[in-house]
Every structure is written in C-alpha cells, then in structure tokens.
N, C-alpha and C. Protein backbone atom coordinates (compact mmCIF):
# COMPACT_ATOMS: atom_id res chain seq x y z
N UNK A 1 0.85 -1.18 0.00
CA UNK A 1 0.00 0.00 0.00
C UNK A 1 0.89 1.23 0.00
N UNK A 2 0.60 2.14 -0.91
CA UNK A 2 1.34 3.39 -1.00
C UNK A 2 0.36 4.54 -0.88
N UNK A 3 0.71 5.55 -0.11
CA UNK A 3 -0.11 6.74 0.02
C UNK A 3 0.70 7.93 -0.48
N UNK A 4 0.12 8.67 -1.41
CA UNK A 4 0.76 9.87 -1.93
C UNK A 4 -0.12 11.05 -1.57
N UNK A 5 0.46 12.08 -0.98
CA UNK A 5 -0.29 13.28 -0.62
C UNK A 5 0.26 14.45 -1.41
N UNK A 6 -0.63 15.32 -1.84
CA UNK A 6 -0.23 16.50 -2.58
C UNK A 6 -1.23 17.61 -2.29
N UNK A 7 -0.81 18.84 -2.42
CA UNK A 7 -1.68 19.99 -2.24
C UNK A 7 -1.53 20.89 -3.46
N UNK A 8 -2.48 21.77 -3.63
CA UNK A 8 -2.37 22.66 -4.77
C UNK A 8 -3.36 23.80 -4.71
N UNK A 9 -3.05 24.82 -5.48
CA UNK A 9 -3.89 26.00 -5.61
C UNK A 9 -4.01 26.29 -7.09
N UNK A 10 -5.18 26.70 -7.55
CA UNK A 10 -5.35 27.04 -8.95
C UNK A 10 -6.32 28.20 -9.08
N UNK A 11 -6.33 28.83 -10.24
CA UNK A 11 -7.28 29.90 -10.53
C UNK A 11 -8.03 29.55 -11.81
N UNK A 12 -9.25 30.02 -11.89
CA UNK A 12 -10.07 29.85 -13.09
C UNK A 12 -11.10 30.96 -13.08
N UNK A 13 -11.62 31.30 -14.24
CA UNK A 13 -12.69 32.29 -14.28
C UNK A 13 -13.95 31.62 -14.81
N UNK A 14 -15.09 32.14 -14.38
CA UNK A 14 -16.37 31.55 -14.74
C UNK A 14 -17.47 32.60 -14.57
N UNK A 15 -18.62 32.34 -15.15
CA UNK A 15 -19.75 33.24 -14.98
C UNK A 15 -20.82 32.55 -14.14
N UNK A 16 -21.67 33.35 -13.54
CA UNK A 16 -22.79 32.80 -12.77
C UNK A 16 -23.96 33.78 -12.83
N UNK A 17 -25.12 33.27 -12.47
CA UNK A 17 -26.32 34.10 -12.41
C UNK A 17 -26.97 33.89 -11.05
N UNK A 18 -27.64 34.95 -10.57
CA UNK A 18 -28.32 34.80 -9.29
C UNK A 18 -29.66 35.51 -9.33
N UNK A 19 -30.54 35.06 -8.46
CA UNK A 19 -31.82 35.72 -8.23
C UNK A 19 -31.94 35.89 -6.72
N UNK A 20 -32.50 37.03 -6.33
CA UNK A 20 -32.53 37.36 -4.91
C UNK A 20 -33.88 38.00 -4.59
N UNK A 21 -34.41 37.70 -3.43
CA UNK A 21 -35.67 38.27 -2.98
C UNK A 21 -35.44 38.93 -1.63
N UNK A 22 -35.87 40.19 -1.51
CA UNK A 22 -35.78 40.89 -0.23
C UNK A 22 -36.89 40.39 0.69
N UNK A 23 -36.52 40.12 1.93
CA UNK A 23 -37.46 39.74 2.97
C UNK A 23 -37.37 40.87 4.00
N UNK A 24 -38.07 41.94 3.74
CA UNK A 24 -37.93 43.13 4.57
C UNK A 24 -36.78 43.98 4.04
N UNK A 25 -36.43 44.99 4.80
CA UNK A 25 -35.42 45.94 4.36
C UNK A 25 -33.99 45.42 4.53
N UNK A 26 -33.74 44.56 5.51
CA UNK A 26 -32.36 44.21 5.86
C UNK A 26 -31.94 42.79 5.51
N UNK A 27 -32.88 41.96 5.08
CA UNK A 27 -32.56 40.56 4.82
C UNK A 27 -32.99 40.20 3.39
N UNK A 28 -32.14 39.45 2.71
CA UNK A 28 -32.45 38.91 1.38
C UNK A 28 -32.11 37.43 1.38
N UNK A 29 -32.84 36.66 0.59
CA UNK A 29 -32.49 35.27 0.35
C UNK A 29 -32.24 35.13 -1.14
N UNK A 30 -31.32 34.22 -1.51
CA UNK A 30 -30.98 34.12 -2.92
C UNK A 30 -30.49 32.75 -3.32
N UNK A 31 -30.37 32.61 -4.64
CA UNK A 31 -29.87 31.39 -5.25
C UNK A 31 -28.91 31.80 -6.36
N UNK A 32 -27.69 31.26 -6.34
CA UNK A 32 -26.66 31.56 -7.33
C UNK A 32 -26.32 30.25 -8.05
N UNK A 33 -26.38 30.26 -9.40
CA UNK A 33 -26.07 29.08 -10.20
C UNK A 33 -24.89 29.39 -11.11
N UNK A 34 -23.92 28.48 -11.14
CA UNK A 34 -22.75 28.60 -12.01
C UNK A 34 -22.83 27.51 -13.07
N UNK A 35 -23.28 27.85 -14.29
CA UNK A 35 -23.37 26.84 -15.33
C UNK A 35 -22.01 26.47 -15.93
N UNK A 36 -21.03 27.36 -15.81
CA UNK A 36 -19.68 27.09 -16.32
C UNK A 36 -18.97 26.10 -15.41
N UNK A 37 -18.10 25.30 -16.00
CA UNK A 37 -17.24 24.41 -15.20
C UNK A 37 -16.09 25.22 -14.63
N UNK A 38 -15.72 24.89 -13.40
CA UNK A 38 -14.52 25.45 -12.79
C UNK A 38 -13.47 24.35 -12.88
N UNK A 39 -12.46 24.57 -13.72
CA UNK A 39 -11.53 23.50 -14.09
C UNK A 39 -10.19 23.62 -13.37
N UNK A 40 -9.74 22.50 -12.80
CA UNK A 40 -8.40 22.45 -12.22
C UNK A 40 -7.40 22.21 -13.35
N UNK A 41 -6.14 22.53 -13.13
CA UNK A 41 -5.13 22.15 -14.13
C UNK A 41 -4.96 20.63 -14.16
N UNK A 42 -4.39 20.12 -15.23
CA UNK A 42 -4.12 18.68 -15.33
C UNK A 42 -2.91 18.33 -14.48
N UNK A 43 -2.99 17.19 -13.81
CA UNK A 43 -1.88 16.67 -13.03
C UNK A 43 -1.34 15.45 -13.77
N UNK A 44 -0.05 15.46 -14.07
CA UNK A 44 0.58 14.38 -14.83
C UNK A 44 1.43 13.55 -13.87
N UNK A 45 1.33 12.22 -13.99
CA UNK A 45 2.08 11.33 -13.09
C UNK A 45 3.58 11.49 -13.28
N UNK A 46 4.31 11.14 -12.25
CA UNK A 46 5.78 11.20 -12.29
C UNK A 46 6.40 9.92 -12.80
N UNK A 47 5.59 8.87 -13.00
CA UNK A 47 6.14 7.60 -13.44
C UNK A 47 6.63 7.71 -14.88
N UNK A 48 7.58 6.88 -15.22
CA UNK A 48 8.12 6.84 -16.58
C UNK A 48 7.06 6.34 -17.54
N UNK A 49 6.96 6.96 -18.70
CA UNK A 49 5.94 6.59 -19.68
C UNK A 49 6.36 5.39 -20.52
N UNK A 50 7.57 4.87 -20.33
CA UNK A 50 8.07 3.79 -21.18
C UNK A 50 7.57 2.43 -20.72
N UNK A 51 6.25 2.28 -20.61
CA UNK A 51 5.66 1.01 -20.20
C UNK A 51 5.53 0.10 -21.41
N UNK A 52 5.35 0.66 -22.56
CA UNK A 52 5.19 -0.12 -23.78
C UNK A 52 4.86 0.79 -24.94
N UNK A 53 4.79 0.25 -26.13
CA UNK A 53 4.48 1.07 -27.30
C UNK A 53 3.12 1.74 -27.16
N UNK A 54 3.07 3.04 -27.46
CA UNK A 54 1.82 3.78 -27.42
C UNK A 54 1.35 4.15 -26.03
N UNK A 55 2.15 3.85 -25.01
CA UNK A 55 1.71 4.18 -23.66
C UNK A 55 1.98 5.66 -23.39
N UNK A 56 1.30 6.16 -22.42
CA UNK A 56 1.48 7.56 -22.05
C UNK A 56 1.38 7.69 -20.54
N UNK A 57 1.79 8.85 -20.04
CA UNK A 57 1.70 9.10 -18.61
C UNK A 57 0.25 9.27 -18.20
N UNK A 58 -0.05 8.88 -16.99
CA UNK A 58 -1.40 9.04 -16.45
C UNK A 58 -1.63 10.52 -16.14
N UNK A 59 -2.80 11.02 -16.49
CA UNK A 59 -3.17 12.40 -16.19
C UNK A 59 -4.54 12.40 -15.52
N UNK A 60 -4.76 13.42 -14.71
CA UNK A 60 -6.07 13.61 -14.10
C UNK A 60 -6.34 15.11 -14.05
N UNK A 61 -7.60 15.45 -14.26
CA UNK A 61 -8.06 16.83 -14.21
C UNK A 61 -9.49 16.79 -13.69
N UNK A 62 -9.89 17.78 -12.90
CA UNK A 62 -11.20 17.78 -12.28
C UNK A 62 -11.95 19.05 -12.67
N UNK A 63 -13.24 18.88 -12.98
CA UNK A 63 -14.14 20.02 -13.20
C UNK A 63 -15.16 20.04 -12.07
N UNK A 64 -15.32 21.20 -11.46
CA UNK A 64 -16.42 21.41 -10.51
C UNK A 64 -17.57 21.95 -11.35
N UNK A 65 -18.65 21.18 -11.46
CA UNK A 65 -19.76 21.55 -12.34
C UNK A 65 -21.02 21.83 -11.54
N UNK A 66 -21.84 22.72 -12.10
CA UNK A 66 -23.12 23.09 -11.49
C UNK A 66 -22.96 23.50 -10.03
N UNK A 67 -22.08 24.47 -9.81
CA UNK A 67 -21.88 25.01 -8.46
C UNK A 67 -23.10 25.86 -8.11
N UNK A 68 -23.88 25.39 -7.16
CA UNK A 68 -25.10 26.08 -6.74
C UNK A 68 -24.99 26.52 -5.29
N UNK A 69 -25.39 27.76 -5.03
CA UNK A 69 -25.34 28.30 -3.68
C UNK A 69 -26.70 28.89 -3.32
N UNK A 70 -27.27 28.42 -2.24
CA UNK A 70 -28.48 29.01 -1.67
C UNK A 70 -28.03 29.79 -0.45
N UNK A 71 -28.45 31.06 -0.34
CA UNK A 71 -27.86 31.91 0.71
C UNK A 71 -28.86 32.87 1.33
N UNK A 72 -28.44 33.40 2.46
CA UNK A 72 -29.13 34.50 3.13
C UNK A 72 -28.13 35.66 3.17
N UNK A 73 -28.64 36.86 2.94
CA UNK A 73 -27.77 38.05 2.88
C UNK A 73 -28.32 39.08 3.86
N UNK A 74 -27.45 39.62 4.69
CA UNK A 74 -27.81 40.66 5.63
C UNK A 74 -27.29 41.99 5.07
N UNK A 75 -28.21 42.93 4.82
CA UNK A 75 -27.89 44.22 4.21
C UNK A 75 -27.72 45.30 5.27
N UNK A 76 -26.90 46.29 4.97
CA UNK A 76 -26.76 47.46 5.83
C UNK A 76 -27.20 48.69 5.04
N UNK A 77 -27.48 49.79 5.71
CA UNK A 77 -27.88 51.00 4.97
C UNK A 77 -26.73 51.62 4.17
N UNK A 78 -25.52 51.17 4.35
CA UNK A 78 -24.36 51.75 3.68
C UNK A 78 -23.93 50.96 2.44
N UNK A 79 -24.71 49.96 2.06
CA UNK A 79 -24.40 49.16 0.87
C UNK A 79 -23.55 47.93 1.15
N UNK A 80 -22.99 47.84 2.34
CA UNK A 80 -22.19 46.67 2.71
C UNK A 80 -23.13 45.55 3.14
N UNK A 81 -22.78 44.32 2.80
CA UNK A 81 -23.61 43.19 3.19
C UNK A 81 -22.74 42.00 3.54
N UNK A 82 -23.33 41.08 4.32
CA UNK A 82 -22.68 39.81 4.67
C UNK A 82 -23.57 38.69 4.16
N UNK A 83 -22.94 37.56 3.80
CA UNK A 83 -23.65 36.44 3.19
C UNK A 83 -23.25 35.13 3.86
N UNK A 84 -24.22 34.23 4.01
CA UNK A 84 -23.95 32.87 4.46
C UNK A 84 -24.78 31.94 3.58
N UNK A 85 -24.16 30.85 3.09
CA UNK A 85 -24.91 29.98 2.21
C UNK A 85 -24.51 28.52 2.26
N UNK A 86 -25.34 27.71 1.62
CA UNK A 86 -25.11 26.28 1.45
C UNK A 86 -24.73 26.04 -0.01
N UNK A 87 -23.62 25.31 -0.24
CA UNK A 87 -23.07 25.09 -1.58
C UNK A 87 -23.18 23.62 -1.95
N UNK A 88 -23.54 23.35 -3.21
CA UNK A 88 -23.54 21.99 -3.76
C UNK A 88 -22.86 22.04 -5.12
N UNK A 89 -22.07 21.00 -5.43
CA UNK A 89 -21.42 20.92 -6.73
C UNK A 89 -21.12 19.46 -7.08
N UNK A 90 -20.95 19.21 -8.36
CA UNK A 90 -20.53 17.89 -8.84
C UNK A 90 -19.05 17.94 -9.17
N UNK A 91 -18.32 16.91 -8.75
CA UNK A 91 -16.89 16.80 -9.03
C UNK A 91 -16.73 15.80 -10.17
N UNK A 92 -16.44 16.30 -11.37
CA UNK A 92 -16.30 15.48 -12.56
C UNK A 92 -14.82 15.16 -12.77
N UNK A 93 -14.44 13.90 -12.59
CA UNK A 93 -13.04 13.49 -12.64
C UNK A 93 -12.72 13.00 -14.05
N UNK A 94 -11.75 13.64 -14.69
CA UNK A 94 -11.34 13.29 -16.06
C UNK A 94 -9.92 12.75 -15.99
N UNK A 95 -9.77 11.47 -16.32
CA UNK A 95 -8.46 10.84 -16.19
C UNK A 95 -8.09 10.07 -17.46
N UNK A 96 -6.79 9.94 -17.65
CA UNK A 96 -6.25 9.09 -18.72
C UNK A 96 -5.23 8.19 -18.06
N UNK A 97 -5.54 6.91 -17.97
CA UNK A 97 -4.61 5.95 -17.36
C UNK A 97 -4.47 4.76 -18.29
N UNK A 98 -3.28 4.15 -18.29
CA UNK A 98 -3.00 3.02 -19.17
C UNK A 98 -3.92 1.83 -18.90
N UNK A 99 -4.35 1.66 -17.67
CA UNK A 99 -5.20 0.51 -17.33
C UNK A 99 -6.60 0.65 -17.92
N UNK A 100 -7.00 1.87 -18.24
CA UNK A 100 -8.36 2.09 -18.74
C UNK A 100 -9.39 2.22 -17.64
N UNK A 101 -8.98 2.06 -16.38
CA UNK A 101 -9.92 2.21 -15.27
C UNK A 101 -10.42 3.66 -15.19
N UNK A 102 -11.62 3.82 -14.70
CA UNK A 102 -12.24 5.13 -14.54
C UNK A 102 -12.57 5.37 -13.08
N UNK A 103 -12.52 6.63 -12.68
CA UNK A 103 -12.89 7.02 -11.34
C UNK A 103 -14.28 7.64 -11.38
N UNK A 104 -15.13 7.23 -10.44
CA UNK A 104 -16.52 7.71 -10.42
C UNK A 104 -16.57 9.19 -10.04
N UNK A 105 -17.44 9.93 -10.74
CA UNK A 105 -17.69 11.32 -10.39
C UNK A 105 -18.46 11.35 -9.08
N UNK A 106 -18.30 12.41 -8.32
CA UNK A 106 -18.93 12.52 -7.01
C UNK A 106 -19.58 13.89 -6.84
N UNK A 107 -20.56 13.96 -5.96
CA UNK A 107 -21.16 15.22 -5.55
C UNK A 107 -20.65 15.57 -4.17
N UNK A 108 -20.55 16.86 -3.90
CA UNK A 108 -20.15 17.31 -2.57
C UNK A 108 -20.91 18.58 -2.24
N UNK A 109 -20.90 18.93 -0.98
CA UNK A 109 -21.56 20.15 -0.54
C UNK A 109 -20.78 20.76 0.60
N UNK A 110 -21.17 21.98 0.97
CA UNK A 110 -20.48 22.66 2.05
C UNK A 110 -21.13 24.00 2.34
N UNK A 111 -20.30 24.91 2.86
CA UNK A 111 -20.79 26.22 3.27
C UNK A 111 -20.00 27.32 2.58
N UNK A 112 -20.63 28.50 2.51
CA UNK A 112 -19.97 29.68 1.94
C UNK A 112 -20.22 30.87 2.85
N UNK A 113 -19.20 31.71 2.99
CA UNK A 113 -19.27 32.93 3.79
C UNK A 113 -18.74 34.06 2.93
N UNK A 114 -19.40 35.21 2.98
CA UNK A 114 -18.93 36.29 2.13
C UNK A 114 -19.28 37.66 2.65
N UNK A 115 -18.67 38.64 2.00
CA UNK A 115 -18.92 40.04 2.29
C UNK A 115 -18.87 40.79 0.97
N UNK A 116 -19.67 41.83 0.86
CA UNK A 116 -19.70 42.57 -0.39
C UNK A 116 -20.21 43.98 -0.21
N UNK A 117 -20.27 44.67 -1.35
CA UNK A 117 -20.75 46.05 -1.37
C UNK A 117 -21.58 46.24 -2.64
N UNK A 118 -22.75 46.87 -2.49
CA UNK A 118 -23.59 47.18 -3.64
C UNK A 118 -23.89 48.66 -3.67
N UNK A 119 -23.78 49.24 -4.87
CA UNK A 119 -24.06 50.66 -5.09
C UNK A 119 -25.06 50.77 -6.23
N UNK A 120 -26.17 51.45 -5.99
CA UNK A 120 -27.16 51.66 -7.04
C UNK A 120 -26.79 52.89 -7.85
N UNK A 121 -27.21 52.90 -9.12
CA UNK A 121 -26.97 54.02 -10.01
C UNK A 121 -28.15 54.97 -9.88
N UNK A 122 -27.95 56.07 -9.15
CA UNK A 122 -29.03 57.04 -8.93
C UNK A 122 -30.25 56.40 -8.31
N UNK A 123 -31.42 56.77 -8.82
CA UNK A 123 -32.68 56.22 -8.32
C UNK A 123 -33.18 55.06 -9.18
N UNK A 124 -32.34 54.56 -10.08
CA UNK A 124 -32.74 53.46 -10.96
C UNK A 124 -32.63 52.14 -10.21
N UNK A 125 -33.06 51.08 -10.85
CA UNK A 125 -32.92 49.75 -10.28
C UNK A 125 -31.58 49.11 -10.58
N UNK A 126 -30.75 49.77 -11.43
CA UNK A 126 -29.44 49.23 -11.78
C UNK A 126 -28.44 49.44 -10.65
N UNK A 127 -27.54 48.46 -10.49
CA UNK A 127 -26.52 48.57 -9.46
C UNK A 127 -25.27 47.81 -9.85
N UNK A 128 -24.21 48.08 -9.13
CA UNK A 128 -22.93 47.38 -9.27
C UNK A 128 -22.66 46.71 -7.94
N UNK A 129 -22.23 45.46 -8.00
CA UNK A 129 -21.95 44.69 -6.78
C UNK A 129 -20.56 44.11 -6.86
N UNK A 130 -19.78 44.25 -5.78
CA UNK A 130 -18.45 43.64 -5.65
C UNK A 130 -18.51 42.74 -4.42
N UNK A 131 -18.00 41.50 -4.58
CA UNK A 131 -18.18 40.52 -3.50
C UNK A 131 -17.00 39.58 -3.41
N UNK A 132 -16.69 39.17 -2.21
CA UNK A 132 -15.72 38.11 -1.95
C UNK A 132 -16.42 36.99 -1.20
N UNK A 133 -16.14 35.74 -1.59
CA UNK A 133 -16.82 34.59 -0.99
C UNK A 133 -15.80 33.50 -0.69
N UNK A 134 -15.91 32.89 0.48
CA UNK A 134 -15.05 31.79 0.91
C UNK A 134 -15.90 30.52 0.97
N UNK A 135 -15.42 29.42 0.35
CA UNK A 135 -16.13 28.14 0.33
C UNK A 135 -15.37 27.10 1.12
N UNK A 136 -16.10 26.23 1.81
CA UNK A 136 -15.55 25.00 2.40
C UNK A 136 -16.44 23.86 1.94
N UNK A 137 -15.83 22.87 1.27
CA UNK A 137 -16.60 21.73 0.77
C UNK A 137 -16.22 20.46 1.53
N UNK A 138 -17.17 19.53 1.63
CA UNK A 138 -16.92 18.24 2.28
C UNK A 138 -15.88 17.45 1.49
N UNK A 139 -15.22 16.52 2.18
CA UNK A 139 -14.23 15.65 1.54
C UNK A 139 -14.89 14.78 0.47
N UNK A 140 -14.11 14.39 -0.54
CA UNK A 140 -14.58 13.55 -1.62
C UNK A 140 -13.65 12.35 -1.73
N UNK A 141 -14.23 11.14 -1.81
CA UNK A 141 -13.45 9.91 -1.99
C UNK A 141 -14.04 9.12 -3.15
N UNK A 142 -13.17 8.64 -4.03
CA UNK A 142 -13.59 7.81 -5.14
C UNK A 142 -12.51 6.76 -5.41
N UNK A 143 -12.84 5.74 -6.18
CA UNK A 143 -11.85 4.71 -6.49
C UNK A 143 -11.95 4.33 -7.96
N UNK A 144 -11.01 3.51 -8.41
CA UNK A 144 -10.95 3.13 -9.82
C UNK A 144 -11.83 1.94 -10.17
N UNK A 145 -12.67 1.48 -9.24
CA UNK A 145 -13.63 0.42 -9.53
C UNK A 145 -13.06 -0.99 -9.48
N UNK A 146 -11.77 -1.13 -9.18
CA UNK A 146 -11.16 -2.46 -9.12
C UNK A 146 -11.43 -3.06 -7.74
N UNK A 147 -11.90 -4.29 -7.72
CA UNK A 147 -12.12 -5.01 -6.47
C UNK A 147 -10.77 -5.56 -6.02
N UNK A 148 -10.38 -5.25 -4.79
CA UNK A 148 -9.08 -5.68 -4.28
C UNK A 148 -9.07 -7.18 -4.03
N UNK A 149 -8.10 -7.86 -4.64
CA UNK A 149 -7.90 -9.30 -4.41
C UNK A 149 -6.41 -9.57 -4.55
N UNK A 150 -6.01 -10.81 -4.32
CA UNK A 150 -4.60 -11.16 -4.45
C UNK A 150 -4.13 -10.96 -5.89
N UNK A 151 -4.97 -11.26 -6.86
CA UNK A 151 -4.59 -11.12 -8.27
C UNK A 151 -4.44 -9.65 -8.66
N UNK A 152 -5.38 -8.80 -8.22
CA UNK A 152 -5.29 -7.38 -8.58
C UNK A 152 -4.20 -6.68 -7.79
N UNK A 153 -3.90 -7.15 -6.60
CA UNK A 153 -2.82 -6.54 -5.81
C UNK A 153 -1.49 -6.70 -6.52
N UNK A 154 -1.29 -7.80 -7.22
CA UNK A 154 -0.03 -8.04 -7.93
C UNK A 154 0.11 -7.15 -9.16
N UNK A 155 -1.00 -6.64 -9.69
CA UNK A 155 -0.94 -5.83 -10.91
C UNK A 155 -1.24 -4.35 -10.64
N UNK A 156 -1.16 -3.92 -9.44
CA UNK A 156 -1.42 -2.52 -9.14
C UNK A 156 -2.67 -2.33 -8.33
N UNK A 157 -3.66 -3.17 -8.55
CA UNK A 157 -4.84 -3.21 -7.71
C UNK A 157 -5.70 -1.98 -7.68
N UNK A 158 -6.35 -1.83 -6.58
CA UNK A 158 -7.34 -0.78 -6.38
C UNK A 158 -6.65 0.52 -5.97
N UNK A 159 -7.05 1.60 -6.60
CA UNK A 159 -6.57 2.94 -6.25
C UNK A 159 -7.73 3.74 -5.69
N UNK A 160 -7.49 4.40 -4.58
CA UNK A 160 -8.49 5.25 -3.94
C UNK A 160 -7.93 6.66 -3.90
N UNK A 161 -8.76 7.61 -4.31
CA UNK A 161 -8.37 9.01 -4.29
C UNK A 161 -9.28 9.74 -3.32
N UNK A 162 -8.69 10.48 -2.39
CA UNK A 162 -9.44 11.28 -1.44
C UNK A 162 -8.98 12.72 -1.54
N UNK A 163 -9.93 13.61 -1.72
CA UNK A 163 -9.65 15.05 -1.71
C UNK A 163 -10.23 15.60 -0.43
N UNK A 164 -9.38 16.23 0.38
CA UNK A 164 -9.83 16.78 1.66
C UNK A 164 -9.41 18.24 1.74
N UNK A 165 -9.99 18.93 2.70
CA UNK A 165 -9.74 20.36 2.89
C UNK A 165 -10.01 21.13 1.60
N UNK A 166 -11.13 20.85 0.95
CA UNK A 166 -11.51 21.55 -0.27
C UNK A 166 -12.03 22.94 0.10
N UNK A 167 -11.25 23.94 -0.25
CA UNK A 167 -11.59 25.32 0.08
C UNK A 167 -11.44 26.18 -1.16
N UNK A 168 -12.18 27.25 -1.22
CA UNK A 168 -12.07 28.14 -2.36
C UNK A 168 -12.39 29.57 -2.00
N UNK A 169 -11.83 30.46 -2.77
CA UNK A 169 -12.12 31.88 -2.67
C UNK A 169 -12.61 32.35 -4.03
N UNK A 170 -13.63 33.15 -4.04
CA UNK A 170 -14.07 33.72 -5.30
C UNK A 170 -14.28 35.21 -5.11
N UNK A 171 -13.98 35.94 -6.14
CA UNK A 171 -14.24 37.36 -6.19
C UNK A 171 -15.15 37.62 -7.37
N UNK A 172 -16.14 38.47 -7.19
CA UNK A 172 -17.06 38.72 -8.30
C UNK A 172 -17.40 40.19 -8.42
N UNK A 173 -17.68 40.56 -9.65
CA UNK A 173 -18.17 41.88 -10.00
C UNK A 173 -19.46 41.64 -10.77
N UNK A 174 -20.57 42.21 -10.31
CA UNK A 174 -21.86 41.94 -10.94
C UNK A 174 -22.59 43.23 -11.26
N UNK A 175 -23.27 43.22 -12.38
CA UNK A 175 -24.21 44.27 -12.72
C UNK A 175 -25.59 43.72 -12.35
N UNK A 176 -26.32 44.46 -11.54
CA UNK A 176 -27.60 43.97 -11.03
C UNK A 176 -28.75 44.87 -11.47
N UNK A 177 -29.93 44.32 -11.46
CA UNK A 177 -31.15 45.11 -11.63
C UNK A 177 -32.16 44.66 -10.61
N UNK A 178 -32.70 45.62 -9.85
CA UNK A 178 -33.66 45.33 -8.80
C UNK A 178 -35.04 45.79 -9.27
N UNK A 179 -35.97 44.84 -9.37
CA UNK A 179 -37.33 45.17 -9.78
C UNK A 179 -38.04 45.92 -8.66
N UNK A 180 -38.78 46.96 -9.01
CA UNK A 180 -39.58 47.68 -8.04
C UNK A 180 -38.80 48.49 -7.04
N UNK A 181 -37.58 48.86 -7.36
CA UNK A 181 -36.76 49.60 -6.39
C UNK A 181 -37.35 50.96 -6.06
N UNK A 182 -37.86 51.66 -7.06
CA UNK A 182 -38.39 53.00 -6.79
C UNK A 182 -39.89 52.93 -6.72
C-alpha cells in the first residue's frame, strides 16, 4: 500500500447568475447558479511513460460543475452586506490511465461565507456589486472500480483518491437590476 499526498492552488474564471428576494429591508435570500465548469489544471504522473508502445503518462483533471449556492444576505444601509450559504457541486473526474480504469464522479456540498458592497446608479434599479466569498466543501473519496484481491494486488490493484480540505475563494463583479426599487 502506497499513500501519496499532494496539495495545490489554482485559478479559473467563470460566470454565474443569481436571483434574490428581499425579505424586509435588511434581509435577502438568494440562489446563485454557475453553469460554467470550474476546471483544475491537469496533473501528470511522475512515473516513466516507457511502459510499452503507445503508452502515455497518467493524467487527471477535475471540473467542478453546477456550483449552486443558496444563501441568506444581511444588508446594511451603507451598501455593505454579509452572506452565508449552502453550496452543492458535482466533481467530474477526467483521467487518462493506461489501465483504462475510470474514477466515479462525485457530488459534494459545504458552506460559503462572504462580504460585499452594492451601489445603485441614482434612483434606478441598476446597481454594481463587488463581492468576496469563501467556500468550504466536504471531503470527496472515489476509487478506480477495481475489487481488491490477491490477483489485482499483484498488478497494481485498487486505487483510492481522497480530496480533503476543499476550500475556495471567489471574487465577483456583478451588474444587477432590482425590480420595483423605486
């Protein structure tokens, strides 16, 4: 049994849409959907590719798809607001390995905390919003589908991948329109 641990940080850009409903003057509830994939860089194995003719190094890359956040937002009279939400996303694992084994995609969820500022343009319903959001997602574990036995142990056997401490920061700039503002 071998355990390999690695950490990493990456950046990606994506678009999202949200809808929000005011519940009184100081509280809003909302839903934010990210239809774009948030893609990690590809990770290439360190093993030698000279296993045989036409072989290649193993690679893995992950897309976080359908990132959805349901949240509550506390507004202040100065345009500053705080946000707390529940996040759900699908972890789509894309791998290329010589064995042809595949790793199952997984869903995960967690929490989001944020702060932002919104400024309306005059008395119109149009506004500009700047926001920072911190995400914490639950751990994800998947395997290559191989049942561990004496025969498979001799040929490399079952591989299990666990991603833990999944955290993210996002910054956003949004153009908003509020119905019925005036």
